[in-house]
Amino acid sequence: MDRGGRNPSNYTSLASCFIHAKSYDKAEEAVTKALEIDPGFAPAIGTLGLIMKKIGNVQKARSLLKQAIKIDPSLNFAQEALESLGK
């Protein structure tokens, strides 16, 4: 998978498409590429949190979502996902 070039946003968008298709392994692979390019890219961290939520790893999801929000508090999707996990 090398369709995104060196732009983490491209891989994060690709991961979102895979999430919608319920192809979580491919989504995780794409978002991992984004994080290899930019380990602090909040949308990718949040997307990985969504993937963890979808596959049932609630503890990891919560941690990643909090990390993404700490970096970028404007990430509404991460806020909503974290709220849906409860306290």
N, C-alpha and C. Protein backbone atom coordinates (compact mmCIF):
# COMPACT_ATOMS: atom_id res chain seq x y z
N MET A 1 0.85 -1.17 0.00
CA MET A 1 0.00 0.00 0.00
C MET A 1 0.89 1.24 0.00
N ASP A 2 1.05 1.85 -1.12
CA ASP A 2 1.87 3.06 -1.20
C ASP A 2 1.19 4.07 -2.11
N ARG A 3 -0.09 4.29 -1.88
CA ARG A 3 -0.86 5.19 -2.73
C ARG A 3 -0.86 6.62 -2.22
N GLY A 4 -0.46 6.83 -0.98
CA GLY A 4 -0.60 8.14 -0.37
C GLY A 4 0.61 9.04 -0.48
N GLY A 5 1.69 8.55 -1.06
CA GLY A 5 2.89 9.37 -1.14
C GLY A 5 3.43 9.65 0.25
N ARG A 6 3.82 10.88 0.49
CA ARG A 6 4.38 11.25 1.80
C ARG A 6 3.43 12.17 2.57
N ASN A 7 2.15 12.11 2.27
CA ASN A 7 1.17 12.95 2.92
C ASN A 7 0.32 12.12 3.88
N PRO A 8 0.46 12.34 5.19
CA PRO A 8 -0.31 11.53 6.13
C PRO A 8 -1.82 11.69 5.97
N SER A 9 -2.23 12.82 5.48
CA SER A 9 -3.67 13.06 5.29
C SER A 9 -4.26 12.10 4.26
N ASN A 10 -3.49 11.80 3.22
CA ASN A 10 -3.98 10.86 2.20
C ASN A 10 -4.21 9.47 2.79
N TYR A 11 -3.27 9.01 3.58
CA TYR A 11 -3.41 7.68 4.20
C TYR A 11 -4.55 7.67 5.22
N THR A 12 -4.72 8.77 5.93
CA THR A 12 -5.81 8.86 6.91
C THR A 12 -7.16 8.82 6.21
N SER A 13 -7.26 9.51 5.09
CA SER A 13 -8.51 9.48 4.30
C SER A 13 -8.78 8.08 3.77
N LEU A 14 -7.73 7.42 3.32
CA LEU A 14 -7.87 6.04 2.83
C LEU A 14 -8.33 5.13 3.97
N ALA A 15 -7.78 5.32 5.15
CA ALA A 15 -8.19 4.53 6.31
C ALA A 15 -9.67 4.75 6.61
N SER A 16 -10.14 5.98 6.50
CA SER A 16 -11.56 6.27 6.74
C SER A 16 -12.44 5.53 5.75
N CYS A 17 -12.01 5.46 4.51
CA CYS A 17 -12.77 4.70 3.50
C CYS A 17 -12.83 3.22 3.88
N PHE A 18 -11.73 2.68 4.32
CA PHE A 18 -11.70 1.27 4.74
C PHE A 18 -12.59 1.04 5.97
N ILE A 19 -12.62 2.01 6.88
CA ILE A 19 -13.50 1.89 8.05
C ILE A 19 -14.95 1.79 7.60
N HIS A 20 -15.34 2.66 6.69
CA HIS A 20 -16.72 2.64 6.20
C HIS A 20 -17.05 1.33 5.50
N ALA A 21 -16.03 0.72 4.91
CA ALA A 21 -16.23 -0.58 4.24
C ALA A 21 -16.07 -1.75 5.23
N LYS A 22 -15.86 -1.43 6.51
CA LYS A 22 -15.65 -2.43 7.57
C LYS A 22 -14.44 -3.33 7.30
N SER A 23 -13.46 -2.76 6.62
CA SER A 23 -12.21 -3.46 6.36
C SER A 23 -11.15 -2.91 7.33
N TYR A 24 -11.27 -3.33 8.58
CA TYR A 24 -10.49 -2.71 9.65
C TYR A 24 -9.00 -3.02 9.57
N ASP A 25 -8.63 -4.19 9.06
CA ASP A 25 -7.20 -4.50 8.90
C ASP A 25 -6.56 -3.54 7.91
N LYS A 26 -7.22 -3.31 6.79
CA LYS A 26 -6.68 -2.38 5.78
C LYS A 26 -6.69 -0.96 6.31
N ALA A 27 -7.71 -0.60 7.09
CA ALA A 27 -7.77 0.73 7.68
C ALA A 27 -6.59 0.95 8.61
N GLU A 28 -6.32 -0.06 9.43
CA GLU A 28 -5.19 0.05 10.36
C GLU A 28 -3.86 0.14 9.61
N GLU A 29 -3.73 -0.59 8.55
CA GLU A 29 -2.51 -0.52 7.73
C GLU A 29 -2.33 0.88 7.15
N ALA A 30 -3.39 1.46 6.64
CA ALA A 30 -3.30 2.80 6.05
C ALA A 30 -2.97 3.86 7.10
N VAL A 31 -3.63 3.80 8.24
CA VAL A 31 -3.38 4.81 9.25
C VAL A 31 -1.99 4.63 9.87
N THR A 32 -1.50 3.41 9.92
CA THR A 32 -0.14 3.18 10.40
C THR A 32 0.87 3.85 9.47
N LYS A 33 0.60 3.80 8.17
CA LYS A 33 1.48 4.51 7.20
C LYS A 33 1.47 6.00 7.48
N ALA A 34 0.29 6.55 7.76
CA ALA A 34 0.19 7.99 8.06
C ALA A 34 1.02 8.33 9.28
N LEU A 35 0.96 7.48 10.29
CA LEU A 35 1.70 7.74 11.53
C LEU A 35 3.20 7.51 11.37
N GLU A 36 3.60 6.69 10.42
CA GLU A 36 5.03 6.55 10.12
C GLU A 36 5.56 7.85 9.52
N ILE A 37 4.75 8.51 8.72
CA ILE A 37 5.14 9.77 8.10
C ILE A 37 5.16 10.89 9.14
N ASP A 38 4.10 10.93 9.97
CA ASP A 38 3.98 11.99 10.98
C ASP A 38 3.36 11.40 12.24
N PRO A 39 4.19 10.97 13.20
CA PRO A 39 3.68 10.33 14.41
C PRO A 39 2.75 11.21 15.26
N GLY A 40 2.79 12.50 15.07
CA GLY A 40 1.95 13.41 15.84
C GLY A 40 0.74 13.92 15.09
N PHE A 41 0.40 13.27 13.97
CA PHE A 41 -0.72 13.73 13.15
C PHE A 41 -2.03 13.34 13.83
N ALA A 42 -2.66 14.31 14.48
CA ALA A 42 -3.84 14.04 15.31
C ALA A 42 -4.98 13.33 14.57
N PRO A 43 -5.31 13.70 13.33
CA PRO A 43 -6.39 12.98 12.65
C PRO A 43 -6.09 11.48 12.48
N ALA A 44 -4.84 11.14 12.26
CA ALA A 44 -4.48 9.73 12.13
C ALA A 44 -4.57 9.02 13.48
N ILE A 45 -4.14 9.68 14.53
CA ILE A 45 -4.24 9.09 15.86
C ILE A 45 -5.71 8.86 16.22
N GLY A 46 -6.53 9.85 15.92
CA GLY A 46 -7.96 9.71 16.18
C GLY A 46 -8.60 8.62 15.35
N THR A 47 -8.18 8.51 14.10
CA THR A 47 -8.70 7.46 13.22
C THR A 47 -8.30 6.08 13.73
N LEU A 48 -7.08 5.96 14.21
CA LEU A 48 -6.66 4.69 14.81
C LEU A 48 -7.51 4.39 16.04
N GLY A 49 -7.85 5.42 16.79
CA GLY A 49 -8.75 5.25 17.92
C GLY A 49 -10.12 4.73 17.49
N LEU A 50 -10.62 5.24 16.37
CA LEU A 50 -11.90 4.76 15.84
C LEU A 50 -11.81 3.29 15.45
N ILE A 51 -10.70 2.93 14.82
CA ILE A 51 -10.51 1.53 14.43
C ILE A 51 -10.51 0.64 15.67
N MET A 52 -9.79 1.06 16.70
CA MET A 52 -9.74 0.27 17.93
C MET A 52 -11.13 0.14 18.54
N LYS A 53 -11.91 1.21 18.48
CA LYS A 53 -13.29 1.16 18.98
C LYS A 53 -14.10 0.14 18.19
N LYS A 54 -13.97 0.17 16.87
CA LYS A 54 -14.74 -0.72 16.00
C LYS A 54 -14.40 -2.19 16.25
N ILE A 55 -13.13 -2.47 16.57
CA ILE A 55 -12.75 -3.87 16.77
C ILE A 55 -12.87 -4.31 18.23
N GLY A 56 -13.35 -3.38 19.08
CA GLY A 56 -13.64 -3.74 20.46
C GLY A 56 -12.53 -3.53 21.46
N ASN A 57 -11.46 -2.87 21.05
CA ASN A 57 -10.36 -2.59 21.98
C ASN A 57 -10.62 -1.21 22.61
N VAL A 58 -11.54 -1.20 23.56
CA VAL A 58 -12.04 0.05 24.14
C VAL A 58 -10.96 0.82 24.88
N GLN A 59 -10.13 0.13 25.64
CA GLN A 59 -9.08 0.81 26.40
C GLN A 59 -8.11 1.53 25.46
N LYS A 60 -7.67 0.85 24.42
CA LYS A 60 -6.75 1.46 23.45
C LYS A 60 -7.45 2.59 22.71
N ALA A 61 -8.72 2.38 22.35
CA ALA A 61 -9.48 3.42 21.66
C ALA A 61 -9.54 4.68 22.51
N ARG A 62 -9.90 4.53 23.76
CA ARG A 62 -10.02 5.68 24.66
C ARG A 62 -8.69 6.43 24.76
N SER A 63 -7.60 5.70 24.91
CA SER A 63 -6.27 6.31 25.03
C SER A 63 -5.90 7.09 23.77
N LEU A 64 -6.11 6.48 22.61
CA LEU A 64 -5.77 7.14 21.34
C LEU A 64 -6.64 8.36 21.09
N LEU A 65 -7.92 8.25 21.37
CA LEU A 65 -8.83 9.37 21.16
C LEU A 65 -8.47 10.54 22.06
N LYS A 66 -8.14 10.26 23.31
CA LYS A 66 -7.71 11.33 24.22
C LYS A 66 -6.43 11.98 23.73
N GLN A 67 -5.51 11.16 23.24
CA GLN A 67 -4.25 11.70 22.71
C GLN A 67 -4.50 12.61 21.52
N ALA A 68 -5.36 12.19 20.61
CA ALA A 68 -5.67 13.00 19.43
C ALA A 68 -6.31 14.33 19.82
N ILE A 69 -7.23 14.28 20.77
CA ILE A 69 -7.93 15.50 21.22
C ILE A 69 -6.96 16.43 21.94
N LYS A 70 -6.03 15.87 22.67
CA LYS A 70 -5.03 16.71 23.36
C LYS A 70 -4.20 17.48 22.34
N ILE A 71 -3.85 16.83 21.23
CA ILE A 71 -3.06 17.48 20.19
C ILE A 71 -3.91 18.50 19.42
N ASP A 72 -5.15 18.10 19.11
CA ASP A 72 -6.03 18.97 18.33
C ASP A 72 -7.45 18.90 18.89
N PRO A 73 -7.78 19.82 19.80
CA PRO A 73 -9.11 19.81 20.42
C PRO A 73 -10.27 20.02 19.45
N SER A 74 -9.99 20.42 18.23
CA SER A 74 -11.07 20.66 17.26
C SER A 74 -11.51 19.39 16.52
N LEU A 75 -10.94 18.25 16.86
CA LEU A 75 -11.31 16.99 16.17
C LEU A 75 -12.65 16.48 16.69
N ASN A 76 -13.71 16.95 16.07
CA ASN A 76 -15.06 16.60 16.52
C ASN A 76 -15.32 15.10 16.46
N PHE A 77 -14.82 14.43 15.42
CA PHE A 77 -15.08 12.99 15.30
C PHE A 77 -14.46 12.23 16.47
N ALA A 78 -13.31 12.68 16.92
CA ALA A 78 -12.64 12.02 18.04
C ALA A 78 -13.39 12.32 19.35
N GLN A 79 -13.86 13.54 19.51
CA GLN A 79 -14.66 13.91 20.68
C GLN A 79 -15.91 13.05 20.76
N GLU A 80 -16.61 12.94 19.62
CA GLU A 80 -17.86 12.17 19.58
C GLU A 80 -17.60 10.68 19.88
N ALA A 81 -16.52 10.16 19.30
CA ALA A 81 -16.20 8.75 19.53
C ALA A 81 -15.86 8.50 20.99
N LEU A 82 -15.11 9.41 21.59
CA LEU A 82 -14.75 9.27 22.99
C LEU A 82 -15.99 9.35 23.88
N GLU A 83 -16.87 10.28 23.59
CA GLU A 83 -18.11 10.41 24.37
C GLU A 83 -18.95 9.15 24.25
N SER A 84 -18.95 8.53 23.07
CA SER A 84 -19.76 7.33 22.87
C SER A 84 -19.22 6.12 23.66
N LEU A 85 -17.95 6.22 24.06
CA LEU A 85 -17.36 5.14 24.86
C LEU A 85 -17.73 5.27 26.34
N GLY A 86 -18.22 6.44 26.72
CA GLY A 86 -18.57 6.67 28.12
C GLY A 86 -17.33 6.96 28.95
N LYS A 87 -17.54 7.11 30.21
CA LYS A 87 -16.44 7.45 31.12
C LYS A 87 -15.70 6.22 31.59
